[in-house]
Amino acid sequence: MGRFMEGVLGADKYRQYLEHLAKTHPDAEPMSEREFWIDYTNWQEHNPQGRCC
């Protein structure tokens, strides 16, 4: 999948998280991809924003 489509679909969020963490908290242990998506889904459920589905 191309980077454009990943951005449109949100599939690049984990990569963005890793890049952000490396820049802002280089000593922190990153969440696994599975942990990230669970945390992100939980956050979305508690902080609803405009989305199509």
PDB file of N, CA and C in Angstrom:
ATOM      1  N   MET A   1       0.865  -1.172   0.000  1.00  0.00           N
ATOM      2  CA  MET A   1       0.000   0.000   0.000  1.00  0.00           C
ATOM      3  C   MET A   1       0.911   1.235   0.000  1.00  0.00           C
ATOM      4  N   GLY A   2       0.608   2.209  -0.842  1.00  0.00           N
ATOM      5  CA  GLY A   2       1.407   3.420  -0.914  1.00  0.00           C
ATOM      6  C   GLY A   2       1.214   4.306   0.295  1.00  0.00           C
ATOM      7  N   ARG A   3       2.178   5.197   0.515  1.00  0.00           N
ATOM      8  CA  ARG A   3       2.091   6.089   1.681  1.00  0.00           C
ATOM      9  C   ARG A   3       0.856   6.972   1.635  1.00  0.00           C
ATOM     10  N   PHE A   4       0.454   7.398   0.424  1.00  0.00           N
ATOM     11  CA  PHE A   4      -0.745   8.233   0.316  1.00  0.00           C
ATOM     12  C   PHE A   4      -1.965   7.492   0.847  1.00  0.00           C
ATOM     13  N   MET A   5      -2.137   6.265   0.392  1.00  0.00           N
ATOM     14  CA  MET A   5      -3.302   5.479   0.834  1.00  0.00           C
ATOM     15  C   MET A   5      -3.213   5.158   2.316  1.00  0.00           C
ATOM     16  N   GLU A   6      -2.006   4.907   2.818  1.00  0.00           N
ATOM     17  CA  GLU A   6      -1.859   4.667   4.259  1.00  0.00           C
ATOM     18  C   GLU A   6      -2.325   5.888   5.038  1.00  0.00           C
ATOM     19  N   GLY A   7      -1.969   7.075   4.545  1.00  0.00           N
ATOM     20  CA  GLY A   7      -2.393   8.306   5.216  1.00  0.00           C
ATOM     21  C   GLY A   7      -3.895   8.494   5.169  1.00  0.00           C
ATOM     22  N   VAL A   8      -4.494   8.197   4.032  1.00  0.00           N
ATOM     23  CA  VAL A   8      -5.940   8.338   3.880  1.00  0.00           C
ATOM     24  C   VAL A   8      -6.660   7.368   4.810  1.00  0.00           C
ATOM     25  N   LEU A   9      -6.166   6.161   4.906  1.00  0.00           N
ATOM     26  CA  LEU A   9      -6.815   5.127   5.716  1.00  0.00           C
ATOM     27  C   LEU A   9      -6.410   5.168   7.183  1.00  0.00           C
ATOM     28  N   GLY A  10      -5.369   5.933   7.523  1.00  0.00           N
ATOM     29  CA  GLY A  10      -4.915   6.006   8.905  1.00  0.00           C
ATOM     30  C   GLY A  10      -3.963   4.896   9.284  1.00  0.00           C
ATOM     31  N   ALA A  11      -3.527   4.106   8.312  1.00  0.00           N
ATOM     32  CA  ALA A  11      -2.643   2.980   8.601  1.00  0.00           C
ATOM     33  C   ALA A  11      -1.242   3.428   8.992  1.00  0.00           C
ATOM     34  N   ASP A  12      -0.920   4.701   8.760  1.00  0.00           N
ATOM     35  CA  ASP A  12       0.411   5.199   9.096  1.00  0.00           C
ATOM     36  C   ASP A  12       0.500   5.746  10.518  1.00  0.00           C
ATOM     37  N   LYS A  13      -0.568   5.661  11.278  1.00  0.00           N
ATOM     38  CA  LYS A  13      -0.581   6.221  12.626  1.00  0.00           C
ATOM     39  C   LYS A  13       0.471   5.589  13.535  1.00  0.00           C
ATOM     40  N   TYR A  14       0.681   4.294  13.428  1.00  0.00           N
ATOM     41  CA  TYR A  14       1.681   3.649  14.281  1.00  0.00           C
ATOM     42  C   TYR A  14       3.078   4.139  13.909  1.00  0.00           C
ATOM     43  N   ARG A  15       3.362   4.265  12.628  1.00  0.00           N
ATOM     44  CA  ARG A  15       4.666   4.781  12.185  1.00  0.00           C
ATOM     45  C   ARG A  15       4.861   6.204  12.700  1.00  0.00           C
ATOM     46  N   GLN A  16       3.819   7.028  12.606  1.00  0.00           N
ATOM     47  CA  GLN A  16       3.902   8.404  13.105  1.00  0.00           C
ATOM     48  C   GLN A  16       4.140   8.420  14.617  1.00  0.00           C
ATOM     49  N   TYR A  17       3.490   7.524  15.333  1.00  0.00           N
ATOM     50  CA  TYR A  17       3.673   7.406  16.779  1.00  0.00           C
ATOM     51  C   TYR A  17       5.134   7.079  17.096  1.00  0.00           C
ATOM     52  N   LEU A  18       5.715   6.110  16.367  1.00  0.00           N
ATOM     53  CA  LEU A  18       7.103   5.740  16.614  1.00  0.00           C
ATOM     54  C   LEU A  18       8.053   6.898  16.323  1.00  0.00           C
ATOM     55  N   GLU A  19       7.807   7.624  15.235  1.00  0.00           N
ATOM     56  CA  GLU A  19       8.646   8.774  14.893  1.00  0.00           C
ATOM     57  C   GLU A  19       8.534   9.862  15.962  1.00  0.00           C
ATOM     58  N   HIS A  20       7.320  10.141  16.394  1.00  0.00           N
ATOM     59  CA  HIS A  20       7.103  11.157  17.429  1.00  0.00           C
ATOM     60  C   HIS A  20       7.779  10.744  18.734  1.00  0.00           C
ATOM     61  N   LEU A  21       7.615   9.503  19.129  1.00  0.00           N
ATOM     62  CA  LEU A  21       8.202   9.018  20.373  1.00  0.00           C
ATOM     63  C   LEU A  21       9.723   9.106  20.325  1.00  0.00           C
ATOM     64  N   ALA A  22      10.320   8.737  19.195  1.00  0.00           N
ATOM     65  CA  ALA A  22      11.777   8.790  19.053  1.00  0.00           C
ATOM     66  C   ALA A  22      12.299  10.223  19.177  1.00  0.00           C
ATOM     67  N   LYS A  23      11.544  11.192  18.673  1.00  0.00           N
ATOM     68  CA  LYS A  23      11.970  12.595  18.736  1.00  0.00           C
ATOM     69  C   LYS A  23      11.759  13.207  20.109  1.00  0.00           C
ATOM     70  N   THR A  24      10.625  12.922  20.723  1.00  0.00           N
ATOM     71  CA  THR A  24      10.261  13.603  21.966  1.00  0.00           C
ATOM     72  C   THR A  24      10.626  12.841  23.239  1.00  0.00           C
ATOM     73  N   HIS A  25      10.694  11.522  23.148  1.00  0.00           N
ATOM     74  CA  HIS A  25      11.007  10.690  24.317  1.00  0.00           C
ATOM     75  C   HIS A  25      11.932   9.551  23.884  1.00  0.00           C
ATOM     76  N   PRO A  26      13.174   9.871  23.503  1.00  0.00           N
ATOM     77  CA  PRO A  26      14.060   8.841  22.936  1.00  0.00           C
ATOM     78  C   PRO A  26      14.371   7.672  23.873  1.00  0.00           C
ATOM     79  N   ASP A  27      14.232   7.874  25.164  1.00  0.00           N
ATOM     80  CA  ASP A  27      14.532   6.793  26.118  1.00  0.00           C
ATOM     81  C   ASP A  27      13.319   5.925  26.449  1.00  0.00           C
ATOM     82  N   ALA A  28      12.138   6.322  25.973  1.00  0.00           N
ATOM     83  CA  ALA A  28      10.911   5.590  26.304  1.00  0.00           C
ATOM     84  C   ALA A  28      10.780   4.325  25.459  1.00  0.00           C
ATOM     85  N   GLU A  29      10.248   3.307  26.070  1.00  0.00           N
ATOM     86  CA  GLU A  29       9.979   2.046  25.371  1.00  0.00           C
ATOM     87  C   GLU A  29       8.663   2.197  24.607  1.00  0.00           C
ATOM     88  N   PRO A  30       8.670   2.024  23.293  1.00  0.00           N
ATOM     89  CA  PRO A  30       7.426   2.179  22.534  1.00  0.00           C
ATOM     90  C   PRO A  30       6.465   1.014  22.779  1.00  0.00           C
ATOM     91  N   MET A  31       5.174   1.315  22.629  1.00  0.00           N
ATOM     92  CA  MET A  31       4.170   0.261  22.697  1.00  0.00           C
ATOM     93  C   MET A  31       4.333  -0.635  21.467  1.00  0.00           C
ATOM     94  N   SER A  32       3.921  -1.872  21.596  1.00  0.00           N
ATOM     95  CA  SER A  32       3.878  -2.735  20.420  1.00  0.00           C
ATOM     96  C   SER A  32       2.780  -2.206  19.507  1.00  0.00           C
ATOM     97  N   GLU A  33       2.776  -2.646  18.261  1.00  0.00           N
ATOM     98  CA  GLU A  33       1.741  -2.177  17.346  1.00  0.00           C
ATOM     99  C   GLU A  33       0.356  -2.572  17.848  1.00  0.00           C
ATOM    100  N   ARG A  34       0.248  -3.762  18.387  1.00  0.00           N
ATOM    101  CA  ARG A  34      -1.044  -4.219  18.926  1.00  0.00           C
ATOM    102  C   ARG A  34      -1.485  -3.343  20.093  1.00  0.00           C
ATOM    103  N   GLU A  35      -0.560  -3.066  21.022  1.00  0.00           N
ATOM    104  CA  GLU A  35      -0.873  -2.206  22.160  1.00  0.00           C
ATOM    105  C   GLU A  35      -1.280  -0.806  21.697  1.00  0.00           C
ATOM    106  N   PHE A  36      -0.566  -0.298  20.679  1.00  0.00           N
ATOM    107  CA  PHE A  36      -0.883   1.020  20.155  1.00  0.00           C
ATOM    108  C   PHE A  36      -2.308   1.080  19.648  1.00  0.00           C
ATOM    109  N   TRP A  37      -2.717   0.102  18.830  1.00  0.00           N
ATOM    110  CA  TRP A  37      -4.064   0.139  18.245  1.00  0.00           C
ATOM    111  C   TRP A  37      -5.143  -0.041  19.302  1.00  0.00           C
ATOM    112  N   ILE A  38      -4.885  -0.846  20.318  1.00  0.00           N
ATOM    113  CA  ILE A  38      -5.849  -0.987  21.418  1.00  0.00           C
ATOM    114  C   ILE A  38      -5.998   0.340  22.153  1.00  0.00           C
ATOM    115  N   ASP A  39      -4.856   0.976  22.462  1.00  0.00           N
ATOM    116  CA  ASP A  39      -4.879   2.260  23.152  1.00  0.00           C
ATOM    117  C   ASP A  39      -5.564   3.323  22.296  1.00  0.00           C
ATOM    118  N   TYR A  40      -5.266   3.353  21.015  1.00  0.00           N
ATOM    119  CA  TYR A  40      -5.855   4.338  20.109  1.00  0.00           C
ATOM    120  C   TYR A  40      -7.366   4.142  19.995  1.00  0.00           C
ATOM    121  N   THR A  41      -7.806   2.902  19.877  1.00  0.00           N
ATOM    122  CA  THR A  41      -9.240   2.607  19.790  1.00  0.00           C
ATOM    123  C   THR A  41      -9.949   3.018  21.072  1.00  0.00           C
ATOM    124  N   ASN A  42      -9.346   2.713  22.215  1.00  0.00           N
ATOM    125  CA  ASN A  42      -9.936   3.115  23.495  1.00  0.00           C
ATOM    126  C   ASN A  42     -10.031   4.630  23.596  1.00  0.00           C
ATOM    127  N   TRP A  43      -8.984   5.342  23.154  1.00  0.00           N
ATOM    128  CA  TRP A  43      -8.988   6.794  23.185  1.00  0.00           C
ATOM    129  C   TRP A  43     -10.120   7.339  22.309  1.00  0.00           C
ATOM    130  N   GLN A  44     -10.282   6.762  21.110  1.00  0.00           N
ATOM    131  CA  GLN A  44     -11.349   7.216  20.214  1.00  0.00           C
ATOM    132  C   GLN A  44     -12.725   7.012  20.835  1.00  0.00           C
ATOM    133  N   GLU A  45     -12.913   5.901  21.517  1.00  0.00           N
ATOM    134  CA  GLU A  45     -14.213   5.620  22.137  1.00  0.00           C
ATOM    135  C   GLU A  45     -14.549   6.643  23.223  1.00  0.00           C
ATOM    136  N   HIS A  46     -13.530   7.100  23.941  1.00  0.00           N
ATOM    137  CA  HIS A  46     -13.756   8.063  25.029  1.00  0.00           C
ATOM    138  C   HIS A  46     -13.682   9.513  24.574  1.00  0.00           C
ATOM    139  N   ASN A  47     -13.203   9.762  23.366  1.00  0.00           N
ATOM    140  CA  ASN A  47     -13.078  11.112  22.813  1.00  0.00           C
ATOM    141  C   ASN A  47     -13.613  11.135  21.393  1.00  0.00           C
ATOM    142  N   PRO A  48     -14.924  10.955  21.218  1.00  0.00           N
ATOM    143  CA  PRO A  48     -15.473  10.893  19.861  1.00  0.00           C
ATOM    144  C   PRO A  48     -15.267  12.208  19.123  1.00  0.00           C
ATOM    145  N   GLN A  49     -14.872  12.062  17.872  1.00  0.00           N
ATOM    146  CA  GLN A  49     -14.684  13.207  16.979  1.00  0.00           C
ATOM    147  C   GLN A  49     -15.435  12.906  15.698  1.00  0.00           C
ATOM    148  N   GLY A  50     -15.498  13.885  14.833  1.00  0.00           N
ATOM    149  CA  GLY A  50     -16.181  13.670  13.562  1.00  0.00           C
ATOM    150  C   GLY A  50     -15.514  12.568  12.758  1.00  0.00           C
ATOM    151  N   ARG A  51     -16.231  11.530  12.465  1.00  0.00           N
ATOM    152  CA  ARG A  51     -15.745  10.454  11.604  1.00  0.00           C
ATOM    153  C   ARG A  51     -16.944   9.829  10.919  1.00  0.00           C
ATOM    154  N   CYS A  52     -16.699   9.160   9.831  1.00  0.00           N
ATOM    155  CA  CYS A  52     -17.796   8.677   9.014  1.00  0.00           C
ATOM    156  C   CYS A  52     -18.496   7.443   9.595  1.00  0.00           C
ATOM    157  N   CYS A  53     -17.796   6.636  10.376  1.00  0.00           N
ATOM    158  CA  CYS A  53     -18.400   5.374  10.826  1.00  0.00           C
ATOM    159  C   CYS A  53     -18.364   5.227  12.331  1.00  0.00           C
TER     160      CYS A  53
END
